[in-house]
C-alpha atoms as a PDB file:
ATOM      1  CA  MET A   1       0.083   0.032  -0.006  1.00  0.00           C
ATOM      2  CA  LYS A   2       2.909   2.326   0.435  1.00  0.00           C
ATOM      3  CA  ASN A   3       3.375   3.107  -3.187  1.00  0.00           C
ATOM      4  CA  ALA A   4      -0.559   3.740  -3.583  1.00  0.00           C
ATOM      5  CA  THR A   5      -1.312   7.305  -4.709  1.00  0.00           C
ATOM      6  CA  LEU A   6      -4.250   9.498  -4.095  1.00  0.00           C
ATOM      7  CA  ARG A   7      -5.209   9.585  -7.696  1.00  0.00           C
ATOM      8  CA  GLN A   8      -5.503   5.832  -7.569  1.00  0.00           C
ATOM      9  CA  LEU A   9      -7.770   5.845  -4.449  1.00  0.00           C
ATOM     10  CA  LYS A  10      -9.939   8.585  -6.047  1.00  0.00           C
ATOM     11  CA  VAL A  11     -10.446   6.404  -8.999  1.00  0.00           C
ATOM     12  CA  PHE A  12     -11.200   3.348  -6.977  1.00  0.00           C
ATOM     13  CA  GLU A  13     -13.830   5.225  -4.871  1.00  0.00           C
ATOM     14  CA  THR A  14     -15.616   6.508  -7.865  1.00  0.00           C
ATOM     15  CA  VAL A  15     -15.754   3.051  -9.424  1.00  0.00           C
ATOM     16  CA  ALA A  16     -16.975   1.641  -6.153  1.00  0.00           C
ATOM     17  CA  ARG A  17     -19.644   4.373  -5.815  1.00  0.00           C
ATOM     18  CA  HIS A  18     -21.063   3.859  -9.270  1.00  0.00           C
ATOM     19  CA  ALA A  19     -20.289  -0.011  -9.315  1.00  0.00           C
ATOM     20  CA  SER A  20     -19.317   0.812 -12.932  1.00  0.00           C
ATOM     21  CA  PHE A  21     -16.031   1.512 -14.796  1.00  0.00           C
ATOM     22  CA  SER A  22     -17.733   3.212 -17.630  1.00  0.00           C
ATOM     23  CA  ARG A  23     -19.602   5.717 -15.310  1.00  0.00           C
ATOM     24  CA  ALA A  24     -16.607   6.416 -13.332  1.00  0.00           C
ATOM     25  CA  ALA A  25     -14.609   7.196 -16.566  1.00  0.00           C
ATOM     26  CA  GLU A  26     -17.366   9.614 -17.352  1.00  0.00           C
ATOM     27  CA  GLU A  27     -17.484  11.312 -14.094  1.00  0.00           C
ATOM     28  CA  LEU A  28     -13.547  11.677 -14.101  1.00  0.00           C
ATOM     29  CA  HIS A  29     -13.294  12.651 -17.722  1.00  0.00           C
ATOM     30  CA  LEU A  30     -10.933   9.678 -18.472  1.00  0.00           C
ATOM     31  CA  THR A  31     -10.969   6.824 -20.828  1.00  0.00           C
ATOM     32  CA  GLN A  32     -12.381   3.360 -19.460  1.00  0.00           C
ATOM     33  CA  PRO A  33      -8.997   1.632 -20.166  1.00  0.00           C
ATOM     34  CA  ALA A  34      -7.324   4.351 -17.811  1.00  0.00           C
ATOM     35  CA  ILE A  35      -9.770   3.710 -14.996  1.00  0.00           C
ATOM     36  CA  SER A  36      -9.138  -0.097 -15.407  1.00  0.00           C
ATOM     37  CA  THR A  37      -5.252   0.550 -15.606  1.00  0.00           C
ATOM     38  CA  GLN A  38      -5.542   2.776 -12.117  1.00  0.00           C
ATOM     39  CA  VAL A  39      -7.703   0.062 -10.436  1.00  0.00           C
ATOM     40  CA  LYS A  40      -5.491  -2.601 -11.473  1.00  0.00           C
ATOM     41  CA  THR A  41      -2.247  -0.899 -10.267  1.00  0.00           C
ATOM     42  CA  LEU A  42      -3.636  -0.361  -7.043  1.00  0.00           C
ATOM     43  CA  GLU A  43      -4.761  -3.922  -6.724  1.00  0.00           C
ATOM     44  CA  GLY A  44      -1.011  -4.743  -7.269  1.00  0.00           C
ATOM     45  CA  HIS A  45      -0.034  -2.376  -4.376  1.00  0.00           C
ATOM     46  CA  VAL A  46      -2.707  -3.946  -2.124  1.00  0.00           C
ATOM     47  CA  GLY A  47      -1.804  -7.541  -3.122  1.00  0.00           C
ATOM     48  CA  LEU A  48      -5.573  -8.434  -3.335  1.00  0.00           C
ATOM     49  CA  PRO A  49      -8.443  -7.988  -5.800  1.00  0.00           C
ATOM     50  CA  LEU A  50     -10.923  -5.262  -4.994  1.00  0.00           C
ATOM     51  CA  PHE A  51     -13.591  -5.966  -7.376  1.00  0.00           C
ATOM     52  CA  GLU A  52     -15.158  -9.143  -8.654  1.00  0.00           C
ATOM     53  CA  GLN A  53     -17.478  -9.640 -11.575  1.00  0.00           C
ATOM     54  CA  LEU A  54     -20.613 -11.571 -11.576  1.00  0.00           C
ATOM     55  CA  GLY A  55     -22.487 -11.680 -14.979  1.00  0.00           C
ATOM     56  CA  LYS A  56     -22.262  -8.006 -16.152  1.00  0.00           C
ATOM     57  CA  LYS A  57     -22.196  -6.372 -12.805  1.00  0.00           C
ATOM     58  CA  ILE A  58     -19.091  -5.667 -10.579  1.00  0.00           C
ATOM     59  CA  TYR A  59     -19.003  -5.887  -6.841  1.00  0.00           C
ATOM     60  CA  LEU A  60     -16.554  -5.047  -4.050  1.00  0.00           C
ATOM     61  CA  THR A  61     -14.701  -7.841  -2.481  1.00  0.00           C
ATOM     62  CA  PRO A  62     -14.287  -7.906   1.358  1.00  0.00           C
ATOM     63  CA  ALA A  63     -10.769  -6.269   0.933  1.00  0.00           C
ATOM     64  CA  GLY A  64     -12.447  -3.662  -1.412  1.00  0.00           C
ATOM     65  CA  ASN A  65     -15.041  -2.870   1.054  1.00  0.00           C
ATOM     66  CA  GLU A  66     -12.499  -2.227   3.920  1.00  0.00           C
ATOM     67  CA  LEU A  67     -10.282  -0.107   1.535  1.00  0.00           C
ATOM     68  CA  LEU A  68     -13.305   1.943   0.393  1.00  0.00           C
ATOM     69  CA  HIS A  69     -13.953   3.230   4.026  1.00  0.00           C
ATOM     70  CA  HIS A  70     -10.192   4.110   4.521  1.00  0.00           C
ATOM     71  CA  SER A  71     -10.050   5.646   0.919  1.00  0.00           C
ATOM     72  CA  ARG A  72     -12.897   8.012   1.532  1.00  0.00           C
ATOM     73  CA  THR A  73     -11.265   9.037   4.988  1.00  0.00           C
ATOM     74  CA  ILE A  74      -8.088   9.823   3.162  1.00  0.00           C
ATOM     75  CA  ILE A  75      -9.733  11.867   0.425  1.00  0.00           C
ATOM     76  CA  ALA A  76     -11.746  13.884   2.967  1.00  0.00           C
ATOM     77  CA  ASN A  77      -8.708  14.539   5.031  1.00  0.00           C
ATOM     78  CA  PHE A  78      -6.862  15.688   2.018  1.00  0.00           C
ATOM     79  CA  GLN A  79      -9.733  17.992   1.023  1.00  0.00           C
ATOM     80  CA  ALA A  80      -9.752  19.281   4.514  1.00  0.00           C
ATOM     81  CA  ALA A  81      -6.129  20.011   4.348  1.00  0.00           C
ATOM     82  CA  GLU A  82      -6.391  21.576   0.823  1.00  0.00           C
ATOM     83  CA  GLU A  83      -9.205  23.906   2.108  1.00  0.00           C
ATOM     84  CA  ALA A  84      -7.126  24.816   5.252  1.00  0.00           C
ATOM     85  CA  MET A  85      -4.310  25.998   2.953  1.00  0.00           C
ATOM     86  CA  THR A  86      -6.739  27.802   0.694  1.00  0.00           C
ATOM     87  CA  GLN A  87      -7.648  30.107   3.595  1.00  0.00           C
ATOM     88  CA  PHE A  88      -4.091  31.496   3.354  1.00  0.00           C
ATOM     89  CA  LYS A  89      -4.501  32.170  -0.304  1.00  0.00           C
ATOM     90  CA  GLY A  90      -7.722  34.361  -0.260  1.00  0.00           C
ATOM     91  CA  VAL A  91      -9.699  34.498  -3.512  1.00  0.00           C
ATOM     92  CA  THR A  92      -6.692  35.031  -5.780  1.00  0.00           C
ATOM     93  CA  GLY A  93      -5.099  31.695  -6.477  1.00  0.00           C
ATOM     94  CA  GLY A  94      -7.980  29.922  -4.625  1.00  0.00           C
ATOM     95  CA  ARG A  95      -9.792  26.826  -6.077  1.00  0.00           C
ATOM     96  CA  LEU A  96     -13.433  26.841  -6.534  1.00  0.00           C
ATOM     97  CA  ASN A  97     -15.382  23.548  -6.124  1.00  0.00           C
ATOM     98  CA  VAL A  98     -18.850  23.765  -7.481  1.00  0.00           C
ATOM     99  CA  ALA A  99     -21.105  20.895  -8.252  1.00  0.00           C
ATOM    100  CA  VAL A 100     -24.533  21.379 -10.392  1.00  0.00           C
ATOM    101  CA  ILE A 101     -27.475  19.307 -11.596  1.00  0.00           C
ATOM    102  CA  SER A 102     -27.439  18.562 -15.290  1.00  0.00           C
ATOM    103  CA  ALA A 103     -29.730  21.471 -16.361  1.00  0.00           C
ATOM    104  CA  GLY A 104     -27.254  23.966 -14.865  1.00  0.00           C
ATOM    105  CA  ASP A 105     -24.380  22.647 -17.358  1.00  0.00           C
ATOM    106  CA  TYR A 106     -25.984  24.900 -19.978  1.00  0.00           C
ATOM    107  CA  PHE A 107     -25.095  28.181 -18.122  1.00  0.00           C
ATOM    108  CA  LEU A 108     -22.688  27.620 -15.237  1.00  0.00           C
ATOM    109  CA  PRO A 109     -19.682  27.438 -17.147  1.00  0.00           C
ATOM    110  CA  ARG A 110     -20.049  30.744 -18.494  1.00  0.00           C
ATOM    111  CA  LEU A 111     -21.120  32.182 -15.218  1.00  0.00           C
ATOM    112  CA  LEU A 112     -17.741  30.736 -13.681  1.00  0.00           C
ATOM    113  CA  VAL A 113     -15.791  32.192 -16.655  1.00  0.00           C
ATOM    114  CA  ASN A 114     -17.265  35.453 -15.716  1.00  0.00           C
ATOM    115  CA  PHE A 115     -16.511  35.204 -12.018  1.00  0.00           C
ATOM    116  CA  ALA A 116     -12.953  34.093 -12.888  1.00  0.00           C
ATOM    117  CA  GLY A 117     -12.513  37.246 -15.116  1.00  0.00           C
ATOM    118  CA  ARG A 118     -13.126  39.343 -12.072  1.00  0.00           C
ATOM    119  CA  HIS A 119     -10.710  37.212  -9.675  1.00  0.00           C
ATOM    120  CA  GLN A 120      -7.551  36.444 -11.713  1.00  0.00           C
ATOM    121  CA  GLY A 121      -5.664  33.201 -10.499  1.00  0.00           C
ATOM    122  CA  VAL A 122      -8.793  31.407  -9.514  1.00  0.00           C
ATOM    123  CA  LYS A 123      -8.806  27.775 -10.451  1.00  0.00           C
ATOM    124  CA  LEU A 124     -12.310  26.271 -11.367  1.00  0.00           C
ATOM    125  CA  ASN A 125     -13.490  22.812 -10.583  1.00  0.00           C
ATOM    126  CA  LEU A 126     -16.873  22.023 -12.000  1.00  0.00           C
ATOM    127  CA  SER A 127     -18.712  18.567 -11.761  1.00  0.00           C
ATOM    128  CA  VAL A 128     -22.275  17.796 -13.273  1.00  0.00           C
ATOM    129  CA  HIS A 129     -24.531  15.392 -11.639  1.00  0.00           C
ATOM    130  CA  ASN A 130     -28.271  14.141 -11.366  1.00  0.00           C
ATOM    131  CA  ARG A 131     -29.911  15.137  -8.147  1.00  0.00           C
ATOM    132  CA  GLU A 132     -29.017  11.854  -6.297  1.00  0.00           C
ATOM    133  CA  GLU A 133     -25.348  12.151  -7.209  1.00  0.00           C
ATOM    134  CA  LEU A 134     -25.378  15.793  -6.189  1.00  0.00           C
ATOM    135  CA  LEU A 135     -26.768  15.061  -2.870  1.00  0.00           C
ATOM    136  CA  TYR A 136     -24.043  12.498  -2.370  1.00  0.00           C
ATOM    137  CA  GLN A 137     -21.478  15.185  -3.271  1.00  0.00           C
ATOM    138  CA  LEU A 138     -22.916  17.398  -0.382  1.00  0.00           C
ATOM    139  CA  ALA A 139     -23.116  14.482   2.071  1.00  0.00           C
ATOM    140  CA  ASP A 140     -19.456  13.369   1.655  1.00  0.00           C
ATOM    141  CA  ASN A 141     -18.049  16.928   1.610  1.00  0.00           C
ATOM    142  CA  MET A 142     -16.873  16.386  -1.885  1.00  0.00           C
ATOM    143  CA  THR A 143     -17.724  20.040  -3.103  1.00  0.00           C
ATOM    144  CA  ASP A 144     -17.904  23.402  -1.492  1.00  0.00           C
ATOM    145  CA  LEU A 145     -21.156  24.601  -3.211  1.00  0.00           C
ATOM    146  CA  ALA A 146     -24.061  22.754  -4.986  1.00  0.00           C
ATOM    147  CA  ILE A 147     -26.287  24.423  -7.388  1.00  0.00           C
ATOM    148  CA  MET A 148     -29.771  22.880  -7.564  1.00  0.00           C
ATOM    149  CA  VAL A 149     -33.560  23.155  -7.843  1.00  0.00           C
ATOM    150  CA  ARG A 150     -34.496  21.194  -4.610  1.00  0.00           C
ATOM    151  CA  PRO A 151     -32.374  21.495  -1.514  1.00  0.00           C
ATOM    152  CA  PRO A 152     -32.210  18.617   0.576  1.00  0.00           C
ATOM    153  CA  THR A 153     -34.764  18.413   3.437  1.00  0.00           C
ATOM    154  CA  ASP A 154     -32.806  15.722   5.452  1.00  0.00           C
ATOM    155  CA  MET A 155     -29.385  17.367   5.544  1.00  0.00           C
ATOM    156  CA  ASP A 156     -28.353  20.542   7.733  1.00  0.00           C
ATOM    157  CA  THR A 157     -27.835  22.970   4.738  1.00  0.00           C
ATOM    158  CA  VAL A 158     -27.792  26.665   4.031  1.00  0.00           C
ATOM    159  CA  ASN A 159     -30.089  27.174   0.922  1.00  0.00           C
ATOM    160  CA  GLU A 160     -30.197  30.551  -0.879  1.00  0.00           C
ATOM    161  CA  SER A 161     -32.335  31.282  -3.949  1.00  0.00           C
ATOM    162  CA  PHE A 162     -30.472  33.356  -6.670  1.00  0.00           C
ATOM    163  CA  ALA A 163     -32.608  33.007  -9.873  1.00  0.00           C
ATOM    164  CA  PRO A 164     -36.013  31.810 -11.093  1.00  0.00           C
ATOM    165  CA  HIS A 165     -36.180  28.533 -12.960  1.00  0.00           C
ATOM    166  CA  PRO A 166     -39.252  27.974 -15.320  1.00  0.00           C
ATOM    167  CA  TYR A 167     -40.091  24.476 -16.742  1.00  0.00           C
ATOM    168  CA  VAL A 168     -41.916  24.402 -20.145  1.00  0.00           C
ATOM    169  CA  VAL A 169     -43.333  21.711 -22.502  1.00  0.00           C
ATOM    170  CA  VAL A 170     -41.599  21.715 -25.839  1.00  0.00           C
ATOM    171  CA  ALA A 171     -42.407  20.186 -29.135  1.00  0.00           C
ATOM    172  CA  SER A 172     -41.393  20.111 -32.606  1.00  0.00           C
ATOM    173  CA  PRO A 173     -42.641  23.286 -34.666  1.00  0.00           C
ATOM    174  CA  GLU A 174     -44.430  20.713 -36.811  1.00  0.00           C
ATOM    175  CA  HIS A 175     -46.431  19.385 -33.997  1.00  0.00           C
ATOM    176  CA  PRO A 176     -50.240  19.988 -34.259  1.00  0.00           C
ATOM    177  CA  LEU A 177     -50.260  21.941 -30.998  1.00  0.00           C
ATOM    178  CA  ALA A 178     -47.479  24.090 -31.964  1.00  0.00           C
ATOM    179  CA  ARG A 179     -49.691  27.078 -33.059  1.00  0.00           C
ATOM    180  CA  LYS A 180     -52.574  26.451 -30.537  1.00  0.00           C
ATOM    181  CA  ARG A 181     -53.098  29.016 -27.739  1.00  0.00           C
ATOM    182  CA  ARG A 182     -54.025  28.450 -24.247  1.00  0.00           C
ATOM    183  CA  ILE A 183     -53.923  24.582 -24.486  1.00  0.00           C
ATOM    184  CA  PRO A 184     -55.619  22.750 -21.674  1.00  0.00           C
ATOM    185  CA  ILE A 185     -53.144  20.382 -19.839  1.00  0.00           C
ATOM    186  CA  ALA A 186     -55.808  17.677 -20.255  1.00  0.00           C
ATOM    187  CA  ALA A 187     -55.038  18.003 -24.151  1.00  0.00           C
ATOM    188  CA  LEU A 188     -51.742  16.454 -23.594  1.00  0.00           C
ATOM    189  CA  ALA A 189     -52.871  13.324 -21.910  1.00  0.00           C
ATOM    190  CA  ASP A 190     -52.552  11.250 -25.179  1.00  0.00           C
ATOM    191  CA  GLU A 191     -49.305  12.698 -26.215  1.00  0.00           C
ATOM    192  CA  PRO A 192     -46.168  10.576 -26.260  1.00  0.00           C
ATOM    193  CA  TRP A 193     -43.814  11.984 -23.703  1.00  0.00           C
ATOM    194  CA  ILE A 194     -40.109  11.783 -23.784  1.00  0.00           C
ATOM    195  CA  VAL A 195     -38.934  12.493 -20.126  1.00  0.00           C
ATOM    196  CA  ARG A 196     -35.818  12.579 -17.836  1.00  0.00           C
ATOM    197  CA  GLU A 197     -35.159   9.502 -15.737  1.00  0.00           C
ATOM    198  CA  LYS A 198     -36.612   9.303 -12.162  1.00  0.00           C
ATOM    199  CA  GLY A 199     -34.746  10.987  -9.270  1.00  0.00           C
ATOM    200  CA  SER A 200     -33.794  13.742 -11.658  1.00  0.00           C
ATOM    201  CA  ASP A 201     -34.928  17.288 -10.553  1.00  0.00           C
ATOM    202  CA  THR A 202     -36.593  17.788 -13.974  1.00  0.00           C
ATOM    203  CA  ARG A 203     -38.458  14.618 -13.504  1.00  0.00           C
ATOM    204  CA  LYS A 204     -39.582  15.520 -10.119  1.00  0.00           C
ATOM    205  CA  SER A 205     -40.582  18.980 -11.324  1.00  0.00           C
ATOM    206  CA  MET A 206     -42.611  17.375 -13.983  1.00  0.00           C
ATOM    207  CA  GLU A 207     -44.421  14.998 -11.687  1.00  0.00           C
ATOM    208  CA  GLU A 208     -45.409  17.839  -9.185  1.00  0.00           C
ATOM    209  CA  GLY A 209     -46.313  20.222 -12.037  1.00  0.00           C
ATOM    210  CA  LEU A 210     -48.125  17.982 -14.390  1.00  0.00           C
ATOM    211  CA  ALA A 211     -48.488  14.235 -13.325  1.00  0.00           C
ATOM    212  CA  GLY A 212     -51.275  15.224 -10.722  1.00  0.00           C
ATOM    213  CA  GLN A 213     -53.389  16.575 -13.652  1.00  0.00           C
ATOM    214  CA  LEU A 214     -52.186  13.978 -15.830  1.00  0.00           C
ATOM    215  CA  PRO A 215     -52.459  10.813 -13.976  1.00  0.00           C
ATOM    216  CA  GLY A 216     -52.270   8.767 -17.136  1.00  0.00           C
ATOM    217  CA  MET A 217     -49.258  10.413 -18.726  1.00  0.00           C
ATOM    218  CA  ASN A 218     -48.051   8.320 -21.964  1.00  0.00           C
ATOM    219  CA  ILE A 219     -44.593   8.034 -21.164  1.00  0.00           C
ATOM    220  CA  SER A 220     -43.003   6.603 -24.251  1.00  0.00           C
ATOM    221  CA  MET A 221     -39.202   7.062 -23.334  1.00  0.00           C
ATOM    222  CA  GLU A 222     -37.076   7.755 -20.263  1.00  0.00           C
ATOM    223  CA  ILE A 223     -33.790   9.324 -21.307  1.00  0.00           C
ATOM    224  CA  LYS A 224     -30.940  10.606 -18.930  1.00  0.00           C
ATOM    225  CA  SER A 225     -29.647  13.073 -21.525  1.00  0.00           C
ATOM    226  CA  THR A 226     -31.380  16.257 -21.928  1.00  0.00           C
ATOM    227  CA  GLU A 227     -29.417  16.684 -25.355  1.00  0.00           C
ATOM    228  CA  THR A 228     -30.698  13.347 -26.468  1.00  0.00           C
ATOM    229  CA  ILE A 229     -34.361  14.187 -25.330  1.00  0.00           C
ATOM    230  CA  LYS A 230     -34.274  17.594 -27.418  1.00  0.00           C
ATOM    231  CA  GLN A 231     -33.043  15.592 -30.524  1.00  0.00           C
ATOM    232  CA  ALA A 232     -35.996  13.246 -30.016  1.00  0.00           C
ATOM    233  CA  VAL A 233     -38.465  15.958 -29.685  1.00  0.00           C
ATOM    234  CA  ILE A 234     -37.101  17.840 -32.794  1.00  0.00           C
ATOM    235  CA  ALA A 235     -37.364  14.605 -34.725  1.00  0.00           C
ATOM    236  CA  GLY A 236     -41.051  14.500 -33.820  1.00  0.00           C
ATOM    237  CA  MET A 237     -41.054  11.467 -31.377  1.00  0.00           C
ATOM    238  CA  GLY A 238     -42.910  13.250 -28.823  1.00  0.00           C
ATOM    239  CA  ILE A 239     -43.118  16.262 -26.522  1.00  0.00           C
ATOM    240  CA  SER A 240     -41.286  16.851 -23.305  1.00  0.00           C
ATOM    241  CA  PHE A 241     -40.985  18.693 -20.060  1.00  0.00           C
ATOM    242  CA  LEU A 242     -37.612  20.746 -19.828  1.00  0.00           C
ATOM    243  CA  SER A 243     -36.038  23.537 -18.058  1.00  0.00           C
ATOM    244  CA  ALA A 244     -36.228  26.648 -19.944  1.00  0.00           C
ATOM    245  CA  HIS A 245     -32.726  27.274 -19.323  1.00  0.00           C
ATOM    246  CA  THR A 246     -31.744  24.286 -21.586  1.00  0.00           C
ATOM    247  CA  ILE A 247     -33.575  25.245 -24.740  1.00  0.00           C
ATOM    248  CA  GLY A 248     -32.378  28.816 -25.661  1.00  0.00           C
ATOM    249  CA  LEU A 249     -30.416  27.767 -28.865  1.00  0.00           C
ATOM    250  CA  GLU A 250     -33.099  25.499 -30.229  1.00  0.00           C
ATOM    251  CA  LEU A 251     -35.622  28.295 -29.755  1.00  0.00           C
ATOM    252  CA  GLN A 252     -33.374  30.635 -31.678  1.00  0.00           C
ATOM    253  CA  ALA A 253     -33.028  28.197 -34.345  1.00  0.00           C
ATOM    254  CA  ARG A 254     -36.655  27.417 -34.325  1.00  0.00           C
ATOM    255  CA  SER A 255     -36.037  23.630 -34.004  1.00  0.00           C
ATOM    256  CA  LEU A 256     -38.124  23.453 -30.958  1.00  0.00           C
ATOM    257  CA  VAL A 257     -41.237  25.440 -29.700  1.00  0.00           C
ATOM    258  CA  VAL A 258     -42.534  26.090 -26.206  1.00  0.00           C
ATOM    259  CA  LEU A 259     -46.293  24.954 -26.198  1.00  0.00           C
ATOM    260  CA  ASP A 260     -48.731  27.470 -24.849  1.00  0.00           C
ATOM    261  CA  VAL A 261     -49.998  25.159 -22.058  1.00  0.00           C
ATOM    262  CA  GLN A 262     -52.452  26.794 -19.499  1.00  0.00           C
ATOM    263  CA  GLU A 263     -50.973  27.104 -16.196  1.00  0.00           C
ATOM    264  CA  LEU A 264     -47.485  26.798 -17.318  1.00  0.00           C
ATOM    265  CA  PRO A 265     -44.494  27.333 -17.107  1.00  0.00           C
ATOM    266  CA  VAL A 266     -43.913  25.429 -13.687  1.00  0.00           C
ATOM    267  CA  MET A 267     -41.797  27.929 -11.717  1.00  0.00           C
ATOM    268  CA  HIS A 268     -39.027  26.710  -9.448  1.00  0.00           C
ATOM    269  CA  ASN A 269     -35.990  28.543  -8.300  1.00  0.00           C
ATOM    270  CA  TRP A 270     -32.138  28.010  -8.564  1.00  0.00           C
ATOM    271  CA  TYR A 271     -30.606  27.356  -5.151  1.00  0.00           C
ATOM    272  CA  LEU A 272     -27.045  27.736  -3.929  1.00  0.00           C
ATOM    273  CA  VAL A 273     -26.490  25.177  -1.436  1.00  0.00           C
ATOM    274  CA  HIS A 274     -23.791  24.358   1.081  1.00  0.00           C
ATOM    275  CA  ARG A 275     -23.313  22.429   4.423  1.00  0.00           C
ATOM    276  CA  ARG A 276     -24.245  24.737   7.370  1.00  0.00           C
ATOM    277  CA  ASN A 277     -21.141  23.595   9.155  1.00  0.00           C
ATOM    278  CA  LYS A 278     -18.942  23.909   5.931  1.00  0.00           C
ATOM    279  CA  ARG A 279     -16.254  26.458   6.356  1.00  0.00           C
ATOM    280  CA  LEU A 280     -16.278  27.983   2.929  1.00  0.00           C
ATOM    281  CA  PRO A 281     -12.909  29.179   1.645  1.00  0.00           C
ATOM    282  CA  PRO A 282     -12.719  32.683   0.463  1.00  0.00           C
ATOM    283  CA  VAL A 283     -13.027  31.914  -3.076  1.00  0.00           C
ATOM    284  CA  ALA A 284     -16.339  30.069  -2.484  1.00  0.00           C
ATOM    285  CA  GLN A 285     -17.646  32.975  -0.332  1.00  0.00           C
ATOM    286  CA  ALA A 286     -16.779  35.254  -3.256  1.00  0.00           C
ATOM    287  CA  PHE A 287     -18.685  33.087  -5.772  1.00  0.00           C
ATOM    288  CA  ARG A 288     -21.597  32.895  -3.322  1.00  0.00           C
ATOM    289  CA  GLU A 289     -21.768  36.689  -3.397  1.00  0.00           C
ATOM    290  CA  PHE A 290     -21.369  36.918  -7.064  1.00  0.00           C
ATOM    291  CA  LEU A 291     -24.313  34.541  -7.702  1.00  0.00           C
ATOM    292  CA  LEU A 292     -26.612  36.284  -5.221  1.00  0.00           C
ATOM    293  CA  THR A 293     -25.838  39.741  -6.648  1.00  0.00           C
ATOM    294  CA  HIS A 294     -25.331  38.998 -10.432  1.00  0.00           C
ATOM    295  CA  GLY A 295     -26.784  35.261 -11.004  1.00  0.00           C
ATOM    296  CA  ALA A 296     -30.139  36.158 -12.107  1.00  0.00           C
ATOM    297  CA  THR A 297     -29.225  38.688 -14.696  1.00  0.00           C
ATOM    298  CA  LEU A 298     -26.345  36.734 -16.151  1.00  0.00           C
ATOM    299  CA  LEU A 299     -28.543  33.524 -16.261  1.00  0.00           C
ATOM    300  CA  GLU A 300     -30.911  35.187 -18.273  1.00  0.00           C
ATOM    301  CA  GLN A 301     -28.383  36.633 -20.783  1.00  0.00           C
ATOM    302  CA  VAL A 302     -26.462  33.585 -21.208  1.00  0.00           C
ATOM    303  CA  THR A 303     -29.462  31.219 -21.846  1.00  0.00           C
ATOM    304  CA  ARG A 304     -31.222  33.849 -23.719  1.00  0.00           C
ATOM    305  CA  LEU A 305     -34.441  33.389 -21.899  1.00  0.00           C
ATOM    306  CA  ASP A 306     -37.504  34.817 -23.220  1.00  0.00           C
ATOM    307  CA  PRO A 307     -38.630  37.324 -20.265  1.00  0.00           C
ATOM    308  CA  LYS A 308     -42.212  36.108 -20.983  1.00  0.00           C
ATOM    309  CA  LEU A 309     -41.352  32.718 -19.658  1.00  0.00           C
ATOM    310  CA  LEU A 310     -40.899  34.208 -16.098  1.00  0.00           C
ATOM    311  CA  HIS A 311     -44.349  35.683 -16.138  1.00  0.00           C
ATOM    312  CA  THR A 312     -47.183  32.934 -15.293  1.00  0.00           C
ATOM    313  CA  GLN A 313     -50.215  32.527 -13.355  1.00  0.00           C
ATOM    314  CA  ARG A 314     -48.653  29.810 -11.431  1.00  0.00           C
ATOM    315  CA  LYS A 315     -47.038  30.907  -7.990  1.00  0.00           C
ATOM    316  CA  PRO A 316     -43.267  30.185  -7.781  1.00  0.00           C
ATOM    317  CA  ARG A 317     -42.391  26.835  -6.194  1.00  0.00           C
ATOM    318  CA  ALA A 318     -39.800  27.723  -3.723  1.00  0.00           C
ATOM    319  CA  GLY A 319     -38.632  23.968  -3.028  1.00  0.00           C
ATOM    320  CA  ALA A 320     -37.520  25.294   0.464  1.00  0.00           C
ATOM    321  CA  SER A 321     -37.067  28.413   2.450  1.00  0.00           C
ATOM    322  CA  PRO A 322     -34.177  30.653   1.373  1.00  0.00           C
ATOM    323  CA  ARG A 323     -32.101  29.530   4.278  1.00  0.00           C
ATOM    324  CA  GLY A 324     -32.736  26.536   6.264  1.00  0.00           C
ATOM    325  CA  ARG A 325     -32.543  22.638   6.246  1.00  0.00           C
END
């Protein structure tokens, strides 16, 4: 074990968390062979197999289970040491660790670049997850700040809203409902729906905003990728419920339209979330202030959001109080 590296432990922990080499490669932006090589090298240092494969699934061995516990402790201690050293650097030269739900990757990179332009020397670390993965990042202290729609209710966190977040129903411009006005929600009951996977913020927003009024929704496909959903809708395979912040380019290109459905859009808020007992480094504090001050305006600019989508008969769904658990 004395020759094992922190990188190998991080790769091992990611594979163990996902129970998948391919998903670990996706999260770490590495190739699957590179992931396999790191794990194999670590097993060589340990002298024991860490995973076993049964059928198409991989499982931790007893030795792997034990090492996983120690790996997470080592990673957390290293992050704590890094954060402590960051306190001496201030904003300049600090590293900003931010995690966001997948709908946020349509705007957050540009907001981060805008922030970095105001604070020279800042290093940016952005990770994108679905809701369940993001909650894991928070729970295991793997990120300074999280950006999401629904702050956790079972974790002691500070939750601050910084921008409105509308959800809309989209269709191909050739769809029969594309030119209709004031469409009753009931008129969508028989339409084939292409939706995000269960557990995602978009799916939960859809279930809260539509499923109660469409108990028999005709869900034809569940897809984890928003980009793939958009392409399926453009091709005429069905309609979908998506964040308005993810479709700006398609609306401009007129490859998608927002259906004029009564009582829509469904309004939520974007929240900036961190653990209440988390000691935020100066760079994270600066980014927090940046988002609370400029986030709403910049988000509208970079997503090219039609301001009319922010005006609705529906009351905003806050998801949680501005500050609290």
